[in-house]
Amino acid sequence: MKKLDDIDLRILTLLYKDADITNKELASQIGIAPSTCLERVKRMKHNGVINNAFIDINFKSIGGNIEAIAAIKLQPYSELIVNKLRDDLLKLPEIVSLYHMGGSYDYFIHMSVKDSEHLRQFVFNAITSREEVTTVETSLIFEHSRSGVLPIFDEE
């Protein structure tokens, strides 16, 4: 893969802050031709630098009044069990994101539900009821913020 140059990093910085920016506006802010900008974005997508673009939804506006994180431990622990849990949970509409972890817990599950009873039932039915789940700790999220600043890792 070709090393990213300053223009690529500027493109990534602007897209990371606002993935909805038009190609024309993106090119204008960087000072390059729209065709050049588009080709660079396509190349970064092709090379796996850019995987997807997402919208940030206010879950409360669609009935998700509670967000929570469930920290879970699995036993037995194997690649097959970890992958099956991931694949099963990602099909459920309450799941916002999953984090396969190293450390004390095997997964952190970010979810959005309509109310406390929905949360209780979801944790019981989708998580605790699974044979491989040995521990579940659920914490409420009061606020979720996403940084709009792209991490830059300088080579030394």
N, C-alpha and C. Protein backbone atom coordinates (compact mmCIF):
# COMPACT_ATOMS: atom_id res chain seq x y z
N MET A 1 0.85 -1.18 0.00
CA MET A 1 0.00 0.00 0.00
C MET A 1 0.89 1.24 0.00
N LYS A 2 0.53 2.18 -0.83
CA LYS A 2 1.24 3.44 -0.94
C LYS A 2 1.10 4.22 0.37
N LYS A 3 2.21 4.82 0.84
CA LYS A 3 2.19 5.62 2.05
C LYS A 3 1.26 6.82 1.85
N LEU A 4 0.53 7.16 2.89
CA LEU A 4 -0.35 8.31 2.84
C LEU A 4 0.48 9.59 2.90
N ASP A 5 0.15 10.53 2.04
CA ASP A 5 0.85 11.81 2.06
C ASP A 5 0.00 12.84 2.81
N ASP A 6 0.49 14.08 2.83
CA ASP A 6 -0.18 15.15 3.55
C ASP A 6 -1.60 15.40 3.03
N ILE A 7 -1.79 15.31 1.74
CA ILE A 7 -3.13 15.53 1.16
C ILE A 7 -4.08 14.43 1.60
N ASP A 8 -3.62 13.18 1.56
CA ASP A 8 -4.45 12.07 2.04
C ASP A 8 -4.86 12.29 3.49
N LEU A 9 -3.90 12.69 4.32
CA LEU A 9 -4.21 12.92 5.74
C LEU A 9 -5.18 14.08 5.93
N ARG A 10 -5.07 15.10 5.10
CA ARG A 10 -6.02 16.21 5.18
C ARG A 10 -7.42 15.75 4.77
N ILE A 11 -7.49 14.91 3.74
CA ILE A 11 -8.78 14.34 3.31
C ILE A 11 -9.38 13.53 4.45
N LEU A 12 -8.57 12.66 5.05
CA LEU A 12 -9.06 11.82 6.16
C LEU A 12 -9.51 12.68 7.34
N THR A 13 -8.77 13.72 7.64
CA THR A 13 -9.11 14.59 8.77
C THR A 13 -10.48 15.22 8.57
N LEU A 14 -10.74 15.72 7.36
CA LEU A 14 -12.03 16.35 7.09
C LEU A 14 -13.16 15.32 7.04
N LEU A 15 -12.92 14.16 6.45
CA LEU A 15 -13.95 13.12 6.39
C LEU A 15 -14.25 12.57 7.78
N TYR A 16 -13.23 12.47 8.62
CA TYR A 16 -13.42 11.96 9.98
C TYR A 16 -14.32 12.90 10.78
N LYS A 17 -14.15 14.18 10.54
CA LYS A 17 -14.96 15.19 11.23
C LYS A 17 -16.38 15.22 10.68
N ASP A 18 -16.52 15.05 9.34
CA ASP A 18 -17.84 15.11 8.70
C ASP A 18 -17.84 14.22 7.46
N ALA A 19 -18.28 12.98 7.62
CA ALA A 19 -18.29 12.03 6.50
C ALA A 19 -19.33 12.40 5.45
N ASP A 20 -20.18 13.36 5.75
CA ASP A 20 -21.26 13.77 4.85
C ASP A 20 -20.84 14.92 3.93
N ILE A 21 -19.61 15.39 4.06
CA ILE A 21 -19.14 16.50 3.24
C ILE A 21 -19.14 16.07 1.77
N THR A 22 -19.51 16.98 0.89
CA THR A 22 -19.50 16.65 -0.54
C THR A 22 -18.07 16.60 -1.04
N ASN A 23 -17.87 15.86 -2.11
CA ASN A 23 -16.54 15.79 -2.72
C ASN A 23 -16.08 17.17 -3.17
N LYS A 24 -17.00 17.95 -3.72
CA LYS A 24 -16.67 19.30 -4.19
C LYS A 24 -16.18 20.17 -3.04
N GLU A 25 -16.88 20.14 -1.90
CA GLU A 25 -16.49 20.92 -0.73
C GLU A 25 -15.17 20.40 -0.15
N LEU A 26 -15.03 19.10 -0.09
CA LEU A 26 -13.80 18.48 0.41
C LEU A 26 -12.60 18.94 -0.42
N ALA A 27 -12.73 18.85 -1.74
CA ALA A 27 -11.65 19.28 -2.64
C ALA A 27 -11.35 20.76 -2.47
N SER A 28 -12.39 21.55 -2.33
CA SER A 28 -12.23 22.99 -2.17
C SER A 28 -11.47 23.33 -0.89
N GLN A 29 -11.81 22.69 0.21
CA GLN A 29 -11.15 22.97 1.48
C GLN A 29 -9.67 22.56 1.46
N ILE A 30 -9.35 21.55 0.67
CA ILE A 30 -7.96 21.07 0.60
C ILE A 30 -7.18 21.83 -0.47
N GLY A 31 -7.90 22.32 -1.49
CA GLY A 31 -7.24 23.07 -2.57
C GLY A 31 -6.76 22.18 -3.70
N ILE A 32 -7.55 21.13 -3.96
CA ILE A 32 -7.23 20.24 -5.09
C ILE A 32 -8.47 20.10 -5.98
N ALA A 33 -8.28 19.56 -7.16
CA ALA A 33 -9.39 19.36 -8.08
C ALA A 33 -10.34 18.29 -7.54
N PRO A 34 -11.64 18.44 -7.75
CA PRO A 34 -12.59 17.43 -7.29
C PRO A 34 -12.28 16.03 -7.84
N SER A 35 -11.83 15.93 -9.09
CA SER A 35 -11.50 14.63 -9.66
C SER A 35 -10.32 13.98 -8.93
N THR A 36 -9.33 14.79 -8.56
CA THR A 36 -8.18 14.29 -7.80
C THR A 36 -8.62 13.82 -6.43
N CYS A 37 -9.47 14.61 -5.80
CA CYS A 37 -9.97 14.27 -4.47
C CYS A 37 -10.73 12.95 -4.52
N LEU A 38 -11.62 12.83 -5.49
CA LEU A 38 -12.43 11.62 -5.63
C LEU A 38 -11.54 10.39 -5.84
N GLU A 39 -10.53 10.51 -6.67
CA GLU A 39 -9.62 9.39 -6.93
C GLU A 39 -8.85 9.00 -5.67
N ARG A 40 -8.44 9.99 -4.90
CA ARG A 40 -7.72 9.70 -3.66
C ARG A 40 -8.63 8.98 -2.65
N VAL A 41 -9.87 9.43 -2.53
CA VAL A 41 -10.81 8.77 -1.63
C VAL A 41 -11.07 7.35 -2.10
N LYS A 42 -11.27 7.15 -3.40
CA LYS A 42 -11.48 5.80 -3.94
C LYS A 42 -10.28 4.90 -3.64
N ARG A 43 -9.06 5.44 -3.81
CA ARG A 43 -7.86 4.65 -3.55
C ARG A 43 -7.79 4.24 -2.08
N MET A 44 -8.11 5.19 -1.19
CA MET A 44 -8.06 4.87 0.24
C MET A 44 -9.13 3.85 0.62
N LYS A 45 -10.27 3.89 -0.05
CA LYS A 45 -11.29 2.87 0.19
C LYS A 45 -10.81 1.51 -0.33
N HIS A 46 -10.25 1.50 -1.51
CA HIS A 46 -9.75 0.26 -2.12
C HIS A 46 -8.65 -0.37 -1.26
N ASN A 47 -7.79 0.47 -0.67
CA ASN A 47 -6.67 -0.02 0.14
C ASN A 47 -7.04 -0.30 1.59
N GLY A 48 -8.31 -0.09 1.97
CA GLY A 48 -8.75 -0.39 3.32
C GLY A 48 -8.43 0.68 4.35
N VAL A 49 -7.99 1.85 3.91
CA VAL A 49 -7.76 2.96 4.84
C VAL A 49 -9.11 3.49 5.32
N ILE A 50 -10.05 3.64 4.40
CA ILE A 50 -11.42 4.03 4.71
C ILE A 50 -12.28 2.79 4.56
N ASN A 51 -12.90 2.37 5.66
CA ASN A 51 -13.71 1.15 5.62
C ASN A 51 -15.18 1.44 5.35
N ASN A 52 -15.72 2.44 5.97
CA ASN A 52 -17.13 2.78 5.86
C ASN A 52 -17.34 4.23 6.23
N ALA A 53 -18.54 4.71 6.05
CA ALA A 53 -18.94 6.02 6.55
C ALA A 53 -20.27 5.80 7.28
N PHE A 54 -20.42 6.44 8.42
CA PHE A 54 -21.60 6.23 9.24
C PHE A 54 -22.26 7.55 9.57
N ILE A 55 -23.53 7.48 9.88
CA ILE A 55 -24.21 8.65 10.41
C ILE A 55 -24.35 8.47 11.91
N ASP A 56 -24.35 9.55 12.62
CA ASP A 56 -24.50 9.55 14.08
C ASP A 56 -25.95 9.89 14.38
N ILE A 57 -26.70 8.91 14.80
CA ILE A 57 -28.14 9.08 15.04
C ILE A 57 -28.39 9.39 16.51
N ASN A 58 -29.26 10.33 16.77
CA ASN A 58 -29.73 10.60 18.12
C ASN A 58 -30.80 9.54 18.41
N PHE A 59 -30.42 8.50 19.16
CA PHE A 59 -31.34 7.39 19.39
C PHE A 59 -32.61 7.80 20.11
N LYS A 60 -32.54 8.85 20.93
CA LYS A 60 -33.75 9.32 21.62
C LYS A 60 -34.81 9.77 20.62
N SER A 61 -34.39 10.30 19.48
CA SER A 61 -35.36 10.79 18.50
C SER A 61 -36.13 9.65 17.83
N ILE A 62 -35.65 8.42 17.97
CA ILE A 62 -36.36 7.27 17.39
C ILE A 62 -36.81 6.28 18.47
N GLY A 63 -36.83 6.74 19.74
CA GLY A 63 -37.37 5.91 20.81
C GLY A 63 -36.35 5.20 21.67
N GLY A 64 -35.07 5.35 21.41
CA GLY A 64 -34.04 4.73 22.22
C GLY A 64 -33.68 5.62 23.39
N ASN A 65 -34.48 5.58 24.44
CA ASN A 65 -34.32 6.51 25.56
C ASN A 65 -33.19 6.16 26.52
N ILE A 66 -32.71 4.92 26.45
CA ILE A 66 -31.63 4.48 27.33
C ILE A 66 -30.53 3.84 26.49
N GLU A 67 -29.30 4.26 26.77
CA GLU A 67 -28.14 3.59 26.19
C GLU A 67 -27.37 2.97 27.34
N ALA A 68 -26.79 1.81 27.09
CA ALA A 68 -26.05 1.10 28.14
C ALA A 68 -24.89 0.34 27.52
N ILE A 69 -23.95 0.00 28.38
CA ILE A 69 -22.83 -0.86 28.02
C ILE A 69 -22.93 -2.10 28.91
N ALA A 70 -22.87 -3.26 28.30
CA ALA A 70 -22.80 -4.51 29.06
C ALA A 70 -21.40 -5.07 28.89
N ALA A 71 -20.72 -5.30 29.99
CA ALA A 71 -19.41 -5.95 29.98
C ALA A 71 -19.65 -7.42 30.28
N ILE A 72 -19.16 -8.29 29.40
CA ILE A 72 -19.45 -9.72 29.60
C ILE A 72 -18.18 -10.56 29.55
N LYS A 73 -18.24 -11.67 30.30
CA LYS A 73 -17.18 -12.68 30.29
C LYS A 73 -17.76 -13.96 29.70
N LEU A 74 -16.95 -14.65 28.94
CA LEU A 74 -17.36 -15.90 28.30
C LEU A 74 -16.56 -17.07 28.87
N GLN A 75 -17.21 -18.23 28.95
CA GLN A 75 -16.53 -19.46 29.34
C GLN A 75 -17.33 -20.62 28.78
N PRO A 76 -16.81 -21.50 28.00
CA PRO A 76 -15.42 -21.50 27.55
C PRO A 76 -15.17 -20.36 26.56
N TYR A 77 -13.90 -20.07 26.36
CA TYR A 77 -13.50 -18.99 25.48
C TYR A 77 -12.77 -19.59 24.29
N SER A 78 -13.34 -19.39 23.11
CA SER A 78 -12.70 -19.87 21.89
C SER A 78 -13.07 -18.95 20.75
N GLU A 79 -12.34 -19.02 19.66
CA GLU A 79 -12.63 -18.19 18.50
C GLU A 79 -14.04 -18.46 17.98
N LEU A 80 -14.43 -19.71 17.95
CA LEU A 80 -15.76 -20.08 17.47
C LEU A 80 -16.86 -19.44 18.34
N ILE A 81 -16.71 -19.51 19.65
CA ILE A 81 -17.71 -18.94 20.57
C ILE A 81 -17.75 -17.41 20.46
N VAL A 82 -16.58 -16.79 20.41
CA VAL A 82 -16.50 -15.33 20.29
C VAL A 82 -17.16 -14.87 18.99
N ASN A 83 -16.85 -15.53 17.89
CA ASN A 83 -17.41 -15.15 16.59
C ASN A 83 -18.92 -15.38 16.52
N LYS A 84 -19.40 -16.47 17.11
CA LYS A 84 -20.83 -16.76 17.10
C LYS A 84 -21.59 -15.71 17.90
N LEU A 85 -21.07 -15.35 19.07
CA LEU A 85 -21.71 -14.31 19.87
C LEU A 85 -21.78 -13.02 19.07
N ARG A 86 -20.67 -12.62 18.47
CA ARG A 86 -20.64 -11.39 17.66
C ARG A 86 -21.68 -11.45 16.55
N ASP A 87 -21.67 -12.53 15.80
CA ASP A 87 -22.59 -12.64 14.67
C ASP A 87 -24.04 -12.64 15.11
N ASP A 88 -24.35 -13.32 16.21
CA ASP A 88 -25.73 -13.36 16.71
C ASP A 88 -26.18 -11.98 17.20
N LEU A 89 -25.34 -11.31 17.96
CA LEU A 89 -25.73 -10.03 18.54
C LEU A 89 -25.84 -8.92 17.50
N LEU A 90 -24.99 -8.94 16.50
CA LEU A 90 -25.05 -7.89 15.47
C LEU A 90 -26.34 -7.91 14.66
N LYS A 91 -27.10 -8.97 14.75
CA LYS A 91 -28.40 -9.06 14.06
C LYS A 91 -29.51 -8.35 14.83
N LEU A 92 -29.26 -8.01 16.09
CA LEU A 92 -30.31 -7.47 16.95
C LEU A 92 -30.35 -5.94 16.86
N PRO A 93 -31.55 -5.36 16.75
CA PRO A 93 -31.66 -3.91 16.56
C PRO A 93 -31.21 -3.09 17.77
N GLU A 94 -31.15 -3.68 18.95
CA GLU A 94 -30.72 -2.94 20.14
C GLU A 94 -29.21 -2.69 20.15
N ILE A 95 -28.47 -3.48 19.40
CA ILE A 95 -27.00 -3.38 19.42
C ILE A 95 -26.54 -2.19 18.59
N VAL A 96 -25.75 -1.32 19.22
CA VAL A 96 -25.14 -0.19 18.53
C VAL A 96 -23.76 -0.60 18.05
N SER A 97 -22.97 -1.19 18.94
CA SER A 97 -21.64 -1.66 18.58
C SER A 97 -21.14 -2.68 19.58
N LEU A 98 -20.19 -3.47 19.13
CA LEU A 98 -19.57 -4.49 19.97
C LEU A 98 -18.07 -4.27 19.99
N TYR A 99 -17.48 -4.55 21.13
CA TYR A 99 -16.04 -4.45 21.28
C TYR A 99 -15.52 -5.77 21.85
N HIS A 100 -14.76 -6.50 21.07
CA HIS A 100 -14.10 -7.71 21.55
C HIS A 100 -12.84 -7.24 22.27
N MET A 101 -12.72 -7.60 23.54
CA MET A 101 -11.71 -7.00 24.40
C MET A 101 -10.66 -8.01 24.87
N GLY A 102 -9.52 -7.47 25.25
CA GLY A 102 -8.55 -8.19 26.06
C GLY A 102 -8.70 -7.63 27.46
N GLY A 103 -8.34 -8.38 28.46
CA GLY A 103 -8.46 -7.87 29.82
C GLY A 103 -9.51 -8.63 30.62
N SER A 104 -10.13 -7.95 31.56
CA SER A 104 -11.05 -8.60 32.49
C SER A 104 -12.33 -9.11 31.82
N TYR A 105 -12.78 -8.39 30.79
CA TYR A 105 -14.01 -8.78 30.10
C TYR A 105 -13.70 -9.14 28.66
N ASP A 106 -14.52 -10.01 28.10
CA ASP A 106 -14.32 -10.46 26.72
C ASP A 106 -15.02 -9.58 25.70
N TYR A 107 -16.15 -9.00 26.09
CA TYR A 107 -16.91 -8.13 25.19
C TYR A 107 -17.48 -6.95 25.97
N PHE A 108 -17.50 -5.80 25.33
CA PHE A 108 -18.31 -4.67 25.75
C PHE A 108 -19.37 -4.51 24.67
N ILE A 109 -20.61 -4.43 25.09
CA ILE A 109 -21.73 -4.33 24.16
C ILE A 109 -22.44 -3.00 24.39
N HIS A 110 -22.45 -2.16 23.38
CA HIS A 110 -23.14 -0.86 23.46
C HIS A 110 -24.53 -1.07 22.87
N MET A 111 -25.55 -0.74 23.65
CA MET A 111 -26.92 -0.96 23.19
C MET A 111 -27.80 0.25 23.46
N SER A 112 -28.89 0.33 22.72
CA SER A 112 -29.88 1.37 22.91
C SER A 112 -31.25 0.69 23.00
N VAL A 113 -32.00 1.06 24.03
CA VAL A 113 -33.32 0.45 24.28
C VAL A 113 -34.33 1.54 24.64
N LYS A 114 -35.62 1.17 24.62
CA LYS A 114 -36.64 2.20 24.84
C LYS A 114 -36.83 2.58 26.31
N ASP A 115 -36.64 1.62 27.23
CA ASP A 115 -36.83 1.93 28.65
C ASP A 115 -36.14 0.87 29.50
N SER A 116 -36.23 1.02 30.82
CA SER A 116 -35.52 0.10 31.72
C SER A 116 -36.03 -1.34 31.61
N GLU A 117 -37.31 -1.52 31.38
CA GLU A 117 -37.85 -2.88 31.23
C GLU A 117 -37.32 -3.52 29.94
N HIS A 118 -37.24 -2.74 28.88
CA HIS A 118 -36.66 -3.23 27.63
C HIS A 118 -35.21 -3.65 27.86
N LEU A 119 -34.46 -2.84 28.59
CA LEU A 119 -33.07 -3.16 28.90
C LEU A 119 -32.99 -4.46 29.69
N ARG A 120 -33.81 -4.58 30.71
CA ARG A 120 -33.82 -5.79 31.54
C ARG A 120 -34.11 -7.03 30.71
N GLN A 121 -35.16 -6.96 29.92
CA GLN A 121 -35.52 -8.11 29.09
C GLN A 121 -34.47 -8.43 28.03
N PHE A 122 -33.90 -7.40 27.44
CA PHE A 122 -32.87 -7.61 26.43
C PHE A 122 -31.64 -8.30 27.03
N VAL A 123 -31.19 -7.81 28.18
CA VAL A 123 -30.03 -8.43 28.83
C VAL A 123 -30.33 -9.88 29.19
N PHE A 124 -31.50 -10.13 29.75
CA PHE A 124 -31.86 -11.51 30.10
C PHE A 124 -31.95 -12.40 28.86
N ASN A 125 -32.70 -11.96 27.86
CA ASN A 125 -32.99 -12.81 26.71
C ASN A 125 -31.85 -12.94 25.70
N ALA A 126 -31.12 -11.87 25.47
CA ALA A 126 -30.10 -11.90 24.43
C ALA A 126 -28.70 -12.19 24.95
N ILE A 127 -28.47 -11.94 26.24
CA ILE A 127 -27.10 -12.07 26.74
C ILE A 127 -27.00 -13.11 27.86
N THR A 128 -27.65 -12.86 28.98
CA THR A 128 -27.52 -13.74 30.14
C THR A 128 -27.99 -15.17 29.86
N SER A 129 -28.96 -15.32 29.00
CA SER A 129 -29.50 -16.65 28.70
C SER A 129 -28.53 -17.52 27.90
N ARG A 130 -27.49 -16.94 27.36
CA ARG A 130 -26.53 -17.70 26.56
C ARG A 130 -25.65 -18.54 27.49
N GLU A 131 -25.48 -19.79 27.14
CA GLU A 131 -24.72 -20.74 27.95
C GLU A 131 -23.28 -20.30 28.18
N GLU A 132 -22.66 -19.69 27.18
CA GLU A 132 -21.25 -19.31 27.29
C GLU A 132 -21.02 -18.03 28.08
N VAL A 133 -22.07 -17.28 28.39
CA VAL A 133 -21.94 -16.03 29.15
C VAL A 133 -21.95 -16.36 30.64
N THR A 134 -20.85 -16.01 31.32
CA THR A 134 -20.75 -16.29 32.75
C THR A 134 -20.98 -15.06 33.62
N THR A 135 -20.65 -13.88 33.09
CA THR A 135 -20.77 -12.65 33.87
C THR A 135 -21.29 -11.54 32.96
N VAL A 136 -22.22 -10.75 33.49
CA VAL A 136 -22.71 -9.57 32.78
C VAL A 136 -22.77 -8.43 33.78
N GLU A 137 -22.14 -7.32 33.44
CA GLU A 137 -22.22 -6.09 34.22
C GLU A 137 -22.74 -5.01 33.31
N THR A 138 -23.91 -4.47 33.63
CA THR A 138 -24.53 -3.46 32.77
C THR A 138 -24.42 -2.09 33.42
N SER A 139 -23.97 -1.13 32.63
CA SER A 139 -23.83 0.25 33.10
C SER A 139 -24.59 1.17 32.17
N LEU A 140 -25.28 2.16 32.73
CA LEU A 140 -26.01 3.14 31.93
C LEU A 140 -25.04 4.17 31.36
N ILE A 141 -25.33 4.62 30.17
CA ILE A 141 -24.55 5.68 29.54
C ILE A 141 -25.34 6.98 29.72
N PHE A 142 -24.75 7.95 30.36
CA PHE A 142 -25.40 9.24 30.53
C PHE A 142 -25.16 10.14 29.33
N GLU A 143 -23.97 10.03 28.75
CA GLU A 143 -23.64 10.85 27.59
C GLU A 143 -22.60 10.11 26.76
N HIS A 144 -22.77 10.20 25.46
CA HIS A 144 -21.80 9.61 24.53
C HIS A 144 -21.32 10.70 23.60
N SER A 145 -20.03 10.90 23.53
CA SER A 145 -19.45 11.89 22.64
C SER A 145 -18.41 11.21 21.77
N ARG A 146 -18.35 11.62 20.53
CA ARG A 146 -17.37 11.08 19.60
C ARG A 146 -16.43 12.21 19.20
N SER A 147 -15.16 11.94 19.26
CA SER A 147 -14.18 12.93 18.86
C SER A 147 -14.25 13.14 17.36
N GLY A 148 -14.13 14.37 16.94
CA GLY A 148 -14.05 14.67 15.52
C GLY A 148 -12.62 14.90 15.08
N VAL A 149 -11.68 14.57 15.96
CA VAL A 149 -10.27 14.78 15.68
C VAL A 149 -9.63 13.45 15.29
N LEU A 150 -9.08 13.40 14.10
CA LEU A 150 -8.43 12.19 13.61
C LEU A 150 -7.12 11.96 14.35
N PRO A 151 -6.93 10.77 14.92
CA PRO A 151 -5.63 10.48 15.54
C PRO A 151 -4.54 10.43 14.46
N ILE A 152 -3.43 11.07 14.73
CA ILE A 152 -2.31 11.06 13.80
C ILE A 152 -1.13 10.40 14.51
N PHE A 153 -0.55 9.40 13.87
CA PHE A 153 0.55 8.65 14.45
C PHE A 153 1.80 8.92 13.64
N ASP A 154 2.58 9.88 14.11
CA ASP A 154 3.81 10.25 13.42
C ASP A 154 4.81 9.11 13.49
N GLU A 155 5.47 8.89 12.38
CA GLU A 155 6.56 7.91 12.36
C GLU A 155 7.78 8.57 12.96
N GLU A 156 8.48 7.82 13.78
CA GLU A 156 9.69 8.37 14.42
C GLU A 156 10.91 7.70 13.84
